[in-house]
Amino acid sequence: MRMRKKPNLIPRMERCAAVQIRTPEDHKGRWAEEFSQYREIRLELGCGKGRFTCQTAAAAPEVLFVAVERVPDAMVMAMERARDMELHNVFFIDADAANLPAFFAPDEVDLIYINFCDPWPPKRHAKRRLTHRDFLLRYRQVLRRGGEIHFKTDNVGLFAFSVTEFPLGGFYPEQVTHDLHAQGIQGIMTDYEEKFHNMGTKINRCVAVKGD
C-alpha cells in the first residue's frame, strides 16, 4: 500500500534535521572515527515509521543505528519519534539500499536489519527484493567479516526465496525459524509485525552471516 503524502513534509523534516544525515557519502570510511563513542554500527533498511529503529536504539545506547529509508513520508515519522525520544545514537538517510557502497567503506558495518520489506511477488520483479543476490553483494561490500543480516517477514514465499538466495550472495543462513513468536514475543516488534502477529500470522526470521 502506497503511503499517503504527509502535509508540511519539508518543514517537518527540517525540524528533525539533527537526526538526518543529508550527505552520507561524506562520512564514507570515517564513520567509526566520527562516531567513536559507539562500539559498532548497525543499519536498518526500510525503517518505516521507526518503532523498531527507535526502540532498538534506546535499548542499546552504545551502538550507532543508521536507518536508510527511501520514502520520506515514512521517514519523517521515524525522525519525529527519534527526536521525541531524545535519542542521540540513531540517524536517518533518505536513500535507496542499493546505494550503500557509496555511503560506507568495506568492513564499516557490523549488522544490517531488514524487516518486512516489499515482497515484490511477481517473478519478473525478483531483482527488486532487498534479499536478492544483487543487493546481498552490495551488503557484502560494507559488512565486516562475520557481519550479520537479521531478516524478518510474514511472507512465506519471500522467506523461502531469501533463505535460498543468501548463500548465492555469500551469506550463511542461521537461526532459521518459521514462527518466531511461538513461545512468546521475541525481541522488538515493528508496527507491521505486531499487527499481523495479533491476527495470528506467523513471523519468519533468519540470521544470515557473511562468509568468506
N, C-alpha and C. Protein backbone atom coordinates (compact mmCIF):
# COMPACT_ATOMS: atom_id res chain seq x y z
N MET A 1 0.84 -1.19 0.00
CA MET A 1 0.00 0.00 0.00
C MET A 1 0.88 1.25 0.00
N ARG A 2 0.58 2.16 -0.93
CA ARG A 2 1.35 3.38 -1.03
C ARG A 2 1.01 4.32 0.12
N MET A 3 2.02 4.88 0.78
CA MET A 3 1.79 5.76 1.91
C MET A 3 1.27 7.11 1.44
N ARG A 4 0.26 7.63 2.16
CA ARG A 4 -0.31 8.93 1.83
C ARG A 4 0.72 10.03 2.08
N LYS A 5 0.73 11.01 1.18
CA LYS A 5 1.65 12.13 1.31
C LYS A 5 1.38 12.91 2.60
N LYS A 6 2.46 13.22 3.31
CA LYS A 6 2.33 13.93 4.58
C LYS A 6 2.23 15.44 4.36
N PRO A 7 1.29 16.10 5.05
CA PRO A 7 1.24 17.56 4.94
C PRO A 7 2.46 18.19 5.59
N ASN A 8 2.92 19.27 5.01
CA ASN A 8 4.05 20.01 5.56
C ASN A 8 5.29 19.13 5.72
N LEU A 9 5.52 18.24 4.75
CA LEU A 9 6.63 17.29 4.86
C LEU A 9 7.97 17.99 5.06
N ILE A 10 8.27 18.98 4.22
CA ILE A 10 9.58 19.62 4.27
C ILE A 10 9.82 20.31 5.62
N PRO A 11 8.89 21.15 6.10
CA PRO A 11 9.13 21.77 7.41
C PRO A 11 9.24 20.76 8.54
N ARG A 12 8.49 19.67 8.44
CA ARG A 12 8.57 18.64 9.48
C ARG A 12 9.95 17.99 9.47
N MET A 13 10.49 17.73 8.28
CA MET A 13 11.82 17.14 8.20
C MET A 13 12.88 18.12 8.68
N GLU A 14 12.69 19.38 8.36
CA GLU A 14 13.65 20.39 8.80
C GLU A 14 13.70 20.50 10.32
N ARG A 15 12.57 20.29 10.97
CA ARG A 15 12.54 20.34 12.43
C ARG A 15 13.24 19.14 13.06
N CYS A 16 13.50 18.13 12.24
CA CYS A 16 14.20 16.93 12.73
C CYS A 16 15.60 16.83 12.13
N ALA A 17 16.12 17.94 11.67
CA ALA A 17 17.40 17.94 10.96
C ALA A 17 18.53 17.33 11.78
N ALA A 18 18.43 17.40 13.09
CA ALA A 18 19.51 16.91 13.95
C ALA A 18 19.70 15.40 13.84
N VAL A 19 18.67 14.67 13.38
CA VAL A 19 18.79 13.21 13.29
C VAL A 19 18.86 12.73 11.84
N GLN A 20 18.99 13.65 10.90
CA GLN A 20 19.12 13.26 9.50
C GLN A 20 20.53 13.53 9.00
N ILE A 21 21.07 12.58 8.25
CA ILE A 21 22.37 12.74 7.60
C ILE A 21 22.10 12.97 6.11
N ARG A 22 22.29 14.20 5.66
CA ARG A 22 21.92 14.56 4.29
C ARG A 22 22.97 14.16 3.26
N THR A 23 24.24 14.11 3.65
CA THR A 23 25.31 13.74 2.72
C THR A 23 26.11 12.58 3.30
N PRO A 24 25.52 11.39 3.33
CA PRO A 24 26.21 10.25 3.95
C PRO A 24 27.51 9.89 3.26
N GLU A 25 27.62 10.22 1.98
CA GLU A 25 28.86 9.91 1.26
C GLU A 25 30.05 10.64 1.86
N ASP A 26 29.81 11.74 2.55
CA ASP A 26 30.91 12.49 3.17
C ASP A 26 31.51 11.73 4.36
N HIS A 27 30.77 10.76 4.89
CA HIS A 27 31.23 10.01 6.06
C HIS A 27 31.89 8.67 5.68
N LYS A 28 31.85 8.33 4.41
CA LYS A 28 32.37 7.03 3.98
C LYS A 28 33.82 6.85 4.44
N GLY A 29 34.05 5.72 5.12
CA GLY A 29 35.39 5.40 5.60
C GLY A 29 35.75 6.08 6.90
N ARG A 30 34.86 6.93 7.43
CA ARG A 30 35.17 7.70 8.63
C ARG A 30 34.10 7.58 9.72
N TRP A 31 33.15 6.67 9.52
CA TRP A 31 32.06 6.55 10.49
C TRP A 31 32.60 6.25 11.89
N ALA A 32 33.48 5.26 12.00
CA ALA A 32 34.00 4.87 13.31
C ALA A 32 34.77 6.01 13.96
N GLU A 33 35.48 6.77 13.15
CA GLU A 33 36.25 7.90 13.67
C GLU A 33 35.34 9.03 14.12
N GLU A 34 34.35 9.34 13.32
CA GLU A 34 33.48 10.47 13.62
C GLU A 34 32.45 10.15 14.70
N PHE A 35 32.15 8.86 14.87
CA PHE A 35 31.21 8.43 15.91
C PHE A 35 31.93 7.44 16.85
N SER A 36 33.07 7.84 17.33
CA SER A 36 33.95 6.95 18.09
C SER A 36 33.38 6.54 19.44
N GLN A 37 32.33 7.20 19.89
CA GLN A 37 31.73 6.85 21.18
C GLN A 37 30.89 5.57 21.10
N TYR A 38 30.68 5.06 19.89
CA TYR A 38 29.86 3.85 19.72
C TYR A 38 30.75 2.66 19.36
N ARG A 39 30.38 1.50 19.89
CA ARG A 39 31.23 0.31 19.72
C ARG A 39 30.97 -0.41 18.39
N GLU A 40 29.84 -0.15 17.76
CA GLU A 40 29.57 -0.77 16.46
C GLU A 40 28.52 0.04 15.71
N ILE A 41 28.37 -0.29 14.43
CA ILE A 41 27.42 0.40 13.56
C ILE A 41 26.43 -0.61 12.99
N ARG A 42 25.16 -0.30 13.14
CA ARG A 42 24.11 -1.16 12.60
C ARG A 42 23.23 -0.34 11.67
N LEU A 43 22.79 -0.98 10.59
CA LEU A 43 21.90 -0.33 9.63
C LEU A 43 20.54 -1.00 9.65
N GLU A 44 19.51 -0.22 9.39
CA GLU A 44 18.19 -0.79 9.12
C GLU A 44 17.76 -0.30 7.75
N LEU A 45 17.37 -1.24 6.90
CA LEU A 45 16.95 -0.89 5.55
C LEU A 45 15.43 -0.87 5.48
N GLY A 46 14.88 0.32 5.27
CA GLY A 46 13.43 0.47 5.24
C GLY A 46 12.87 0.53 6.65
N CYS A 47 13.04 1.66 7.32
CA CYS A 47 12.68 1.75 8.73
C CYS A 47 11.20 2.04 8.96
N GLY A 48 10.48 2.42 7.90
CA GLY A 48 9.06 2.73 8.08
C GLY A 48 8.86 3.85 9.08
N LYS A 49 7.92 3.66 10.00
CA LYS A 49 7.59 4.69 10.98
C LYS A 49 8.58 4.72 12.15
N GLY A 50 9.53 3.79 12.17
CA GLY A 50 10.64 3.90 13.12
C GLY A 50 10.46 3.27 14.48
N ARG A 51 9.40 2.51 14.69
CA ARG A 51 9.22 1.89 16.01
C ARG A 51 10.38 0.98 16.36
N PHE A 52 10.71 0.05 15.45
CA PHE A 52 11.80 -0.89 15.69
C PHE A 52 13.12 -0.14 15.83
N THR A 53 13.36 0.80 14.92
CA THR A 53 14.60 1.58 14.94
C THR A 53 14.83 2.24 16.29
N CYS A 54 13.83 2.97 16.74
CA CYS A 54 14.00 3.79 17.94
C CYS A 54 14.02 2.96 19.21
N GLN A 55 13.18 1.95 19.29
CA GLN A 55 13.18 1.12 20.49
C GLN A 55 14.47 0.30 20.59
N THR A 56 14.98 -0.17 19.46
CA THR A 56 16.23 -0.92 19.45
C THR A 56 17.39 -0.01 19.83
N ALA A 57 17.39 1.22 19.31
CA ALA A 57 18.44 2.18 19.65
C ALA A 57 18.39 2.57 21.12
N ALA A 58 17.18 2.73 21.65
CA ALA A 58 17.04 3.08 23.07
C ALA A 58 17.56 1.98 23.97
N ALA A 59 17.43 0.73 23.52
CA ALA A 59 17.87 -0.42 24.33
C ALA A 59 19.38 -0.65 24.24
N ALA A 60 20.04 -0.03 23.26
CA ALA A 60 21.48 -0.23 23.08
C ALA A 60 22.16 1.11 22.81
N PRO A 61 22.26 1.97 23.81
CA PRO A 61 22.82 3.32 23.60
C PRO A 61 24.28 3.32 23.20
N GLU A 62 24.97 2.18 23.34
CA GLU A 62 26.37 2.10 22.97
C GLU A 62 26.57 1.77 21.49
N VAL A 63 25.46 1.61 20.76
CA VAL A 63 25.50 1.25 19.34
C VAL A 63 24.97 2.40 18.50
N LEU A 64 25.62 2.65 17.34
CA LEU A 64 25.14 3.65 16.40
C LEU A 64 24.19 2.98 15.41
N PHE A 65 22.97 3.50 15.31
CA PHE A 65 21.97 2.98 14.38
C PHE A 65 21.76 3.99 13.25
N VAL A 66 21.82 3.48 12.02
CA VAL A 66 21.58 4.32 10.86
C VAL A 66 20.45 3.68 10.05
N ALA A 67 19.34 4.40 9.92
CA ALA A 67 18.18 3.88 9.19
C ALA A 67 18.16 4.47 7.79
N VAL A 68 18.05 3.59 6.80
CA VAL A 68 18.01 4.01 5.40
C VAL A 68 16.59 3.80 4.89
N GLU A 69 15.94 4.86 4.48
CA GLU A 69 14.54 4.80 4.06
C GLU A 69 14.36 5.67 2.81
N ARG A 70 13.76 5.09 1.77
CA ARG A 70 13.61 5.83 0.52
C ARG A 70 12.25 6.50 0.37
N VAL A 71 11.40 6.39 1.39
CA VAL A 71 10.08 7.03 1.36
C VAL A 71 10.06 8.12 2.42
N PRO A 72 10.27 9.37 2.04
CA PRO A 72 10.34 10.46 3.02
C PRO A 72 9.10 10.57 3.89
N ASP A 73 7.93 10.24 3.34
CA ASP A 73 6.69 10.35 4.12
C ASP A 73 6.66 9.37 5.28
N ALA A 74 7.38 8.27 5.16
CA ALA A 74 7.52 7.34 6.29
C ALA A 74 8.65 7.79 7.19
N MET A 75 9.76 8.19 6.58
CA MET A 75 10.94 8.53 7.36
C MET A 75 10.71 9.71 8.29
N VAL A 76 9.88 10.66 7.89
CA VAL A 76 9.66 11.83 8.74
C VAL A 76 9.01 11.42 10.07
N MET A 77 8.15 10.41 10.03
CA MET A 77 7.53 9.95 11.28
C MET A 77 8.56 9.26 12.17
N ALA A 78 9.47 8.50 11.55
CA ALA A 78 10.54 7.87 12.32
C ALA A 78 11.47 8.91 12.92
N MET A 79 11.77 9.95 12.16
CA MET A 79 12.63 11.02 12.66
C MET A 79 11.98 11.75 13.83
N GLU A 80 10.69 12.01 13.72
CA GLU A 80 9.98 12.68 14.81
C GLU A 80 9.95 11.81 16.06
N ARG A 81 9.82 10.51 15.87
CA ARG A 81 9.84 9.59 17.01
C ARG A 81 11.20 9.62 17.71
N ALA A 82 12.27 9.59 16.92
CA ALA A 82 13.63 9.63 17.49
C ALA A 82 13.87 10.95 18.22
N ARG A 83 13.40 12.03 17.63
CA ARG A 83 13.55 13.34 18.27
C ARG A 83 12.78 13.39 19.59
N ASP A 84 11.54 12.92 19.57
CA ASP A 84 10.71 12.99 20.77
C ASP A 84 11.23 12.08 21.89
N MET A 85 11.91 10.99 21.50
CA MET A 85 12.50 10.08 22.49
C MET A 85 13.87 10.57 22.95
N GLU A 86 14.33 11.67 22.35
CA GLU A 86 15.63 12.27 22.69
C GLU A 86 16.78 11.28 22.53
N LEU A 87 16.74 10.55 21.41
CA LEU A 87 17.79 9.58 21.12
C LEU A 87 18.96 10.29 20.45
N HIS A 88 20.16 9.90 20.83
CA HIS A 88 21.37 10.50 20.27
C HIS A 88 22.19 9.52 19.45
N ASN A 89 21.74 8.28 19.37
CA ASN A 89 22.51 7.24 18.67
C ASN A 89 21.79 6.69 17.45
N VAL A 90 20.83 7.44 16.92
CA VAL A 90 20.13 7.00 15.71
C VAL A 90 20.04 8.16 14.72
N PHE A 91 20.35 7.84 13.45
CA PHE A 91 20.31 8.83 12.38
C PHE A 91 19.62 8.23 11.16
N PHE A 92 19.14 9.09 10.28
CA PHE A 92 18.36 8.65 9.14
C PHE A 92 18.96 9.16 7.84
N ILE A 93 18.90 8.29 6.82
CA ILE A 93 19.39 8.63 5.49
C ILE A 93 18.24 8.41 4.50
N ASP A 94 17.92 9.43 3.73
CA ASP A 94 16.89 9.33 2.69
C ASP A 94 17.56 8.83 1.42
N ALA A 95 17.50 7.51 1.20
CA ALA A 95 18.22 6.92 0.06
C ALA A 95 17.73 5.51 -0.20
N ASP A 96 18.19 4.95 -1.29
CA ASP A 96 17.88 3.58 -1.67
C ASP A 96 18.97 2.65 -1.14
N ALA A 97 18.59 1.46 -0.70
CA ALA A 97 19.55 0.50 -0.16
C ALA A 97 20.62 0.10 -1.17
N ALA A 98 20.32 0.23 -2.45
CA ALA A 98 21.30 -0.12 -3.48
C ALA A 98 22.52 0.79 -3.44
N ASN A 99 22.39 1.95 -2.78
CA ASN A 99 23.48 2.92 -2.75
C ASN A 99 24.41 2.77 -1.54
N LEU A 100 24.24 1.73 -0.74
CA LEU A 100 25.05 1.59 0.47
C LEU A 100 26.55 1.69 0.22
N PRO A 101 27.09 1.06 -0.82
CA PRO A 101 28.55 1.17 -1.02
C PRO A 101 29.05 2.59 -1.27
N ALA A 102 28.14 3.51 -1.62
CA ALA A 102 28.54 4.91 -1.79
C ALA A 102 28.64 5.62 -0.45
N PHE A 103 28.02 5.04 0.58
CA PHE A 103 27.96 5.68 1.89
C PHE A 103 28.90 5.07 2.92
N PHE A 104 29.23 3.78 2.73
CA PHE A 104 30.03 3.05 3.71
C PHE A 104 31.19 2.34 3.02
N ALA A 105 32.34 2.35 3.67
CA ALA A 105 33.52 1.68 3.16
C ALA A 105 33.47 0.19 3.51
N PRO A 106 34.32 -0.64 2.90
CA PRO A 106 34.37 -2.06 3.24
C PRO A 106 34.61 -2.27 4.74
N ASP A 107 33.91 -3.23 5.32
CA ASP A 107 34.07 -3.64 6.71
C ASP A 107 33.62 -2.57 7.72
N GLU A 108 32.84 -1.61 7.28
CA GLU A 108 32.49 -0.48 8.15
C GLU A 108 31.21 -0.73 8.95
N VAL A 109 30.42 -1.73 8.54
CA VAL A 109 29.13 -2.01 9.17
C VAL A 109 29.18 -3.37 9.85
N ASP A 110 28.55 -3.46 11.02
CA ASP A 110 28.56 -4.71 11.79
C ASP A 110 27.31 -5.56 11.56
N LEU A 111 26.17 -4.92 11.35
CA LEU A 111 24.92 -5.67 11.27
C LEU A 111 23.91 -4.87 10.45
N ILE A 112 23.08 -5.60 9.69
CA ILE A 112 22.02 -4.98 8.89
C ILE A 112 20.69 -5.64 9.25
N TYR A 113 19.70 -4.81 9.54
CA TYR A 113 18.34 -5.29 9.76
C TYR A 113 17.51 -5.07 8.50
N ILE A 114 16.76 -6.10 8.10
CA ILE A 114 15.78 -5.98 7.02
C ILE A 114 14.46 -6.52 7.56
N ASN A 115 13.53 -5.64 7.84
CA ASN A 115 12.27 -6.02 8.46
C ASN A 115 11.09 -5.78 7.53
N PHE A 116 10.43 -6.86 7.13
CA PHE A 116 9.16 -6.77 6.41
C PHE A 116 9.26 -5.89 5.16
N CYS A 117 10.26 -6.17 4.35
CA CYS A 117 10.44 -5.44 3.10
C CYS A 117 9.37 -5.86 2.09
N ASP A 118 9.21 -5.08 1.05
CA ASP A 118 8.24 -5.36 0.00
C ASP A 118 8.59 -6.71 -0.65
N PRO A 119 7.65 -7.66 -0.71
CA PRO A 119 7.97 -8.98 -1.29
C PRO A 119 8.06 -8.99 -2.81
N TRP A 120 7.56 -7.98 -3.47
CA TRP A 120 7.58 -7.95 -4.93
C TRP A 120 7.23 -9.33 -5.50
N PRO A 121 6.01 -9.80 -5.34
CA PRO A 121 5.67 -11.19 -5.67
C PRO A 121 5.87 -11.63 -7.12
N PRO A 122 5.64 -10.80 -8.15
CA PRO A 122 5.88 -11.33 -9.50
C PRO A 122 7.35 -11.71 -9.69
N LYS A 123 7.61 -12.85 -10.32
CA LYS A 123 8.98 -13.29 -10.55
C LYS A 123 9.80 -12.27 -11.33
N ARG A 124 9.13 -11.55 -12.22
CA ARG A 124 9.86 -10.58 -13.04
C ARG A 124 10.40 -9.42 -12.20
N HIS A 125 9.90 -9.28 -10.95
CA HIS A 125 10.35 -8.21 -10.06
C HIS A 125 11.30 -8.72 -8.98
N ALA A 126 11.78 -9.94 -9.12
CA ALA A 126 12.62 -10.54 -8.07
C ALA A 126 13.84 -9.69 -7.74
N LYS A 127 14.40 -9.03 -8.74
CA LYS A 127 15.61 -8.24 -8.50
C LYS A 127 15.37 -7.02 -7.63
N ARG A 128 14.10 -6.67 -7.41
CA ARG A 128 13.79 -5.53 -6.56
C ARG A 128 13.73 -5.92 -5.07
N ARG A 129 13.71 -7.21 -4.79
CA ARG A 129 13.64 -7.67 -3.40
C ARG A 129 14.96 -7.37 -2.70
N LEU A 130 14.87 -6.87 -1.48
CA LEU A 130 16.08 -6.48 -0.75
C LEU A 130 16.95 -7.66 -0.36
N THR A 131 16.45 -8.88 -0.56
CA THR A 131 17.25 -10.07 -0.29
C THR A 131 17.69 -10.77 -1.58
N HIS A 132 17.53 -10.10 -2.71
CA HIS A 132 18.05 -10.63 -3.97
C HIS A 132 19.57 -10.56 -3.94
N ARG A 133 20.22 -11.48 -4.64
CA ARG A 133 21.69 -11.56 -4.59
C ARG A 133 22.37 -10.26 -5.02
N ASP A 134 21.74 -9.50 -5.92
CA ASP A 134 22.34 -8.24 -6.34
C ASP A 134 22.47 -7.28 -5.16
N PHE A 135 21.45 -7.23 -4.31
CA PHE A 135 21.52 -6.41 -3.10
C PHE A 135 22.49 -7.02 -2.10
N LEU A 136 22.45 -8.35 -1.96
CA LEU A 136 23.31 -9.02 -0.99
C LEU A 136 24.79 -8.75 -1.29
N LEU A 137 25.15 -8.72 -2.55
CA LEU A 137 26.53 -8.45 -2.92
C LEU A 137 26.93 -7.02 -2.55
N ARG A 138 25.97 -6.12 -2.58
CA ARG A 138 26.25 -4.75 -2.11
C ARG A 138 26.43 -4.72 -0.60
N TYR A 139 25.60 -5.48 0.11
CA TYR A 139 25.74 -5.54 1.57
C TYR A 139 27.10 -6.11 1.96
N ARG A 140 27.55 -7.11 1.19
CA ARG A 140 28.87 -7.71 1.46
C ARG A 140 29.97 -6.67 1.41
N GLN A 141 29.81 -5.70 0.54
CA GLN A 141 30.86 -4.69 0.37
C GLN A 141 31.05 -3.84 1.63
N VAL A 142 30.00 -3.67 2.41
CA VAL A 142 30.10 -2.77 3.57
C VAL A 142 30.15 -3.51 4.90
N LEU A 143 29.67 -4.76 4.93
CA LEU A 143 29.68 -5.54 6.18
C LEU A 143 31.07 -6.10 6.47
N ARG A 144 31.43 -6.10 7.72
CA ARG A 144 32.70 -6.70 8.13
C ARG A 144 32.61 -8.22 8.01
N ARG A 145 33.76 -8.88 8.05
CA ARG A 145 33.78 -10.35 8.03
C ARG A 145 33.04 -10.87 9.26
N GLY A 146 32.13 -11.78 9.05
CA GLY A 146 31.31 -12.29 10.15
C GLY A 146 30.11 -11.41 10.47
N GLY A 147 29.95 -10.29 9.74
CA GLY A 147 28.80 -9.42 9.93
C GLY A 147 27.51 -10.15 9.60
N GLU A 148 26.42 -9.63 10.12
CA GLU A 148 25.15 -10.35 10.02
C GLU A 148 24.05 -9.52 9.38
N ILE A 149 23.13 -10.24 8.73
CA ILE A 149 21.85 -9.67 8.31
C ILE A 149 20.76 -10.34 9.14
N HIS A 150 19.93 -9.55 9.80
CA HIS A 150 18.79 -10.06 10.54
C HIS A 150 17.53 -9.75 9.72
N PHE A 151 16.88 -10.79 9.26
CA PHE A 151 15.77 -10.64 8.31
C PHE A 151 14.49 -11.20 8.91
N LYS A 152 13.41 -10.40 8.84
CA LYS A 152 12.09 -10.85 9.30
C LYS A 152 11.04 -10.53 8.24
N THR A 153 10.07 -11.45 8.09
CA THR A 153 8.97 -11.23 7.17
C THR A 153 7.80 -12.14 7.53
N ASP A 154 6.62 -11.70 7.18
CA ASP A 154 5.44 -12.56 7.34
C ASP A 154 5.15 -13.31 6.05
N ASN A 155 5.87 -12.97 4.97
CA ASN A 155 5.59 -13.52 3.66
C ASN A 155 6.36 -14.83 3.45
N VAL A 156 5.63 -15.92 3.37
CA VAL A 156 6.25 -17.25 3.27
C VAL A 156 7.07 -17.38 1.98
N GLY A 157 6.51 -16.90 0.87
CA GLY A 157 7.22 -17.00 -0.40
C GLY A 157 8.51 -16.21 -0.40
N LEU A 158 8.47 -14.99 0.13
CA LEU A 158 9.68 -14.18 0.20
C LEU A 158 10.72 -14.82 1.11
N PHE A 159 10.27 -15.41 2.20
CA PHE A 159 11.22 -16.03 3.13
C PHE A 159 11.91 -17.22 2.47
N ALA A 160 11.16 -18.06 1.79
CA ALA A 160 11.75 -19.22 1.11
C ALA A 160 12.75 -18.75 0.05
N PHE A 161 12.38 -17.73 -0.70
CA PHE A 161 13.28 -17.16 -1.70
C PHE A 161 14.55 -16.65 -1.05
N SER A 162 14.41 -15.95 0.07
CA SER A 162 15.55 -15.30 0.72
C SER A 162 16.53 -16.32 1.29
N VAL A 163 16.01 -17.36 1.94
CA VAL A 163 16.88 -18.38 2.53
C VAL A 163 17.69 -19.08 1.44
N THR A 164 17.10 -19.23 0.28
CA THR A 164 17.81 -19.82 -0.86
C THR A 164 18.81 -18.84 -1.47
N GLU A 165 18.46 -17.56 -1.44
CA GLU A 165 19.26 -16.53 -2.08
C GLU A 165 20.50 -16.15 -1.26
N PHE A 166 20.40 -16.22 0.07
CA PHE A 166 21.51 -15.80 0.93
C PHE A 166 22.84 -16.45 0.54
N PRO A 167 22.90 -17.77 0.37
CA PRO A 167 24.20 -18.37 0.01
C PRO A 167 24.73 -17.87 -1.34
N LEU A 168 23.83 -17.52 -2.25
CA LEU A 168 24.26 -17.03 -3.56
C LEU A 168 24.87 -15.64 -3.46
N GLY A 169 24.58 -14.95 -2.36
CA GLY A 169 25.17 -13.64 -2.12
C GLY A 169 26.32 -13.69 -1.14
N GLY A 170 26.73 -14.90 -0.73
CA GLY A 170 27.87 -15.04 0.16
C GLY A 170 27.54 -15.00 1.64
N PHE A 171 26.30 -15.39 1.99
CA PHE A 171 25.87 -15.40 3.39
C PHE A 171 25.37 -16.79 3.78
N TYR A 172 25.65 -17.17 5.03
CA TYR A 172 25.21 -18.46 5.54
C TYR A 172 23.97 -18.28 6.42
N PRO A 173 22.83 -18.88 6.03
CA PRO A 173 21.62 -18.74 6.84
C PRO A 173 21.74 -19.51 8.16
N GLU A 174 21.43 -18.84 9.26
CA GLU A 174 21.42 -19.46 10.58
C GLU A 174 20.16 -19.03 11.31
N GLN A 175 19.84 -19.71 12.39
CA GLN A 175 18.70 -19.36 13.24
C GLN A 175 17.43 -19.17 12.40
N VAL A 176 17.17 -20.11 11.52
CA VAL A 176 16.01 -20.03 10.64
C VAL A 176 14.78 -20.52 11.39
N THR A 177 13.77 -19.66 11.51
CA THR A 177 12.53 -20.05 12.18
C THR A 177 11.34 -19.56 11.38
N HIS A 178 10.28 -20.37 11.38
CA HIS A 178 9.06 -20.02 10.66
C HIS A 178 7.95 -19.55 11.60
N ASP A 179 8.25 -19.47 12.89
CA ASP A 179 7.25 -19.00 13.85
C ASP A 179 7.99 -18.37 15.02
N LEU A 180 8.51 -17.18 14.80
CA LEU A 180 9.40 -16.52 15.75
C LEU A 180 8.79 -16.38 17.14
N HIS A 181 7.51 -16.06 17.21
CA HIS A 181 6.89 -15.74 18.49
C HIS A 181 6.05 -16.90 19.04
N ALA A 182 6.37 -18.12 18.63
CA ALA A 182 5.59 -19.28 19.06
C ALA A 182 5.59 -19.45 20.57
N GLN A 183 6.70 -19.11 21.22
CA GLN A 183 6.82 -19.28 22.67
C GLN A 183 6.71 -17.94 23.41
N GLY A 184 6.14 -16.95 22.76
CA GLY A 184 6.05 -15.61 23.35
C GLY A 184 6.83 -14.61 22.52
N ILE A 185 6.60 -13.34 22.74
CA ILE A 185 7.22 -12.28 21.95
C ILE A 185 8.73 -12.33 22.08
N GLN A 186 9.41 -12.34 20.93
CA GLN A 186 10.87 -12.37 20.89
C GLN A 186 11.39 -11.06 20.30
N GLY A 187 12.09 -10.29 21.09
CA GLY A 187 12.70 -9.06 20.59
C GLY A 187 11.69 -7.95 20.38
N ILE A 188 12.15 -6.90 19.73
CA ILE A 188 11.33 -5.71 19.48
C ILE A 188 10.59 -5.86 18.16
N MET A 189 9.30 -5.59 18.19
CA MET A 189 8.47 -5.71 17.00
C MET A 189 8.38 -4.40 16.23
N THR A 190 8.15 -4.51 14.93
CA THR A 190 7.74 -3.36 14.14
C THR A 190 6.22 -3.21 14.30
N ASP A 191 5.69 -2.06 13.89
CA ASP A 191 4.24 -1.87 13.92
C ASP A 191 3.54 -2.92 13.06
N TYR A 192 4.09 -3.15 11.89
CA TYR A 192 3.53 -4.12 10.96
C TYR A 192 3.55 -5.52 11.57
N GLU A 193 4.66 -5.86 12.19
CA GLU A 193 4.82 -7.18 12.80
C GLU A 193 3.79 -7.41 13.90
N GLU A 194 3.60 -6.43 14.76
CA GLU A 194 2.63 -6.58 15.85
C GLU A 194 1.22 -6.77 15.29
N LYS A 195 0.87 -5.98 14.30
CA LYS A 195 -0.45 -6.08 13.69
C LYS A 195 -0.73 -7.49 13.18
N PHE A 196 0.21 -8.03 12.42
CA PHE A 196 -0.01 -9.34 11.82
C PHE A 196 0.15 -10.47 12.83
N HIS A 197 1.01 -10.30 13.81
CA HIS A 197 1.12 -11.31 14.86
C HIS A 197 -0.21 -11.42 15.61
N ASN A 198 -0.83 -10.28 15.91
CA ASN A 198 -2.11 -10.28 16.61
C ASN A 198 -3.22 -10.90 15.78
N MET A 199 -3.04 -10.93 14.47
CA MET A 199 -4.01 -11.58 13.58
C MET A 199 -3.76 -13.07 13.45
N GLY A 200 -2.67 -13.56 14.09
CA GLY A 200 -2.35 -14.97 14.03
C GLY A 200 -1.39 -15.35 12.92
N THR A 201 -0.85 -14.37 12.22
CA THR A 201 0.11 -14.63 11.15
C THR A 201 1.48 -14.97 11.74
N LYS A 202 2.07 -16.05 11.28
CA LYS A 202 3.38 -16.44 11.78
C LYS A 202 4.47 -15.56 11.18
N ILE A 203 5.47 -15.27 12.00
CA ILE A 203 6.58 -14.41 11.58
C ILE A 203 7.82 -15.27 11.34
N ASN A 204 8.39 -15.12 10.16
CA ASN A 204 9.61 -15.84 9.78
C ASN A 204 10.84 -14.98 10.07
N ARG A 205 11.90 -15.61 10.54
CA ARG A 205 13.13 -14.87 10.82
C ARG A 205 14.35 -15.71 10.47
N CYS A 206 15.39 -15.03 10.00
CA CYS A 206 16.65 -15.69 9.67
C CYS A 206 17.80 -14.74 9.96
N VAL A 207 18.89 -15.28 10.50
CA VAL A 207 20.13 -14.54 10.62
C VAL A 207 21.09 -15.08 9.56
N ALA A 208 21.58 -14.21 8.70
CA ALA A 208 22.49 -14.61 7.63
C ALA A 208 23.86 -14.00 7.91
N VAL A 209 24.87 -14.85 7.98
CA VAL A 209 26.23 -14.44 8.36
C VAL A 209 27.11 -14.35 7.13
N LYS A 210 27.86 -13.25 7.02
CA LYS A 210 28.76 -13.07 5.89
C LYS A 210 29.89 -14.08 5.95
N GLY A 211 30.04 -14.82 4.87
CA GLY A 211 31.13 -15.80 4.79
C GLY A 211 32.30 -15.26 3.99
N ASP A 212 33.30 -16.09 3.79
CA ASP A 212 34.48 -15.68 3.02
C ASP A 212 34.13 -15.59 1.54
